């Protein structure tokens, strides 16, 4: 059984398993399926708004797809999550990425 099938089996038993949902999103992103990855990241963050890594990886997926406005929004939400959870490392990574992709035009 491949990794994606295994993770989807876990989600079938527990749709709110944050680690499995994140894994599915990452597998789709790795395979170049940005839309499915983003759908999974959105499900993850809706159920687990403090899963800070989800914001960062979703923003990276959006930026790779050329969707910088959406990436900036995701980074803003992620930075707020990182502040709420005290995750200074994630906050600094997202702030650096936000600086890299620039401000809205």
Foldseek 3Di string as FASTA:
>chain_A
DDLLVVLVVVCVVPVQPLVSLQVNLVVCLVVVNLVVSLVSLVSSCVSPVLPLVSLVVNLVSCVVVVNNVVSLVSLVSSLVSCVVVVVVVSNVVSVVVDVVSDDDD
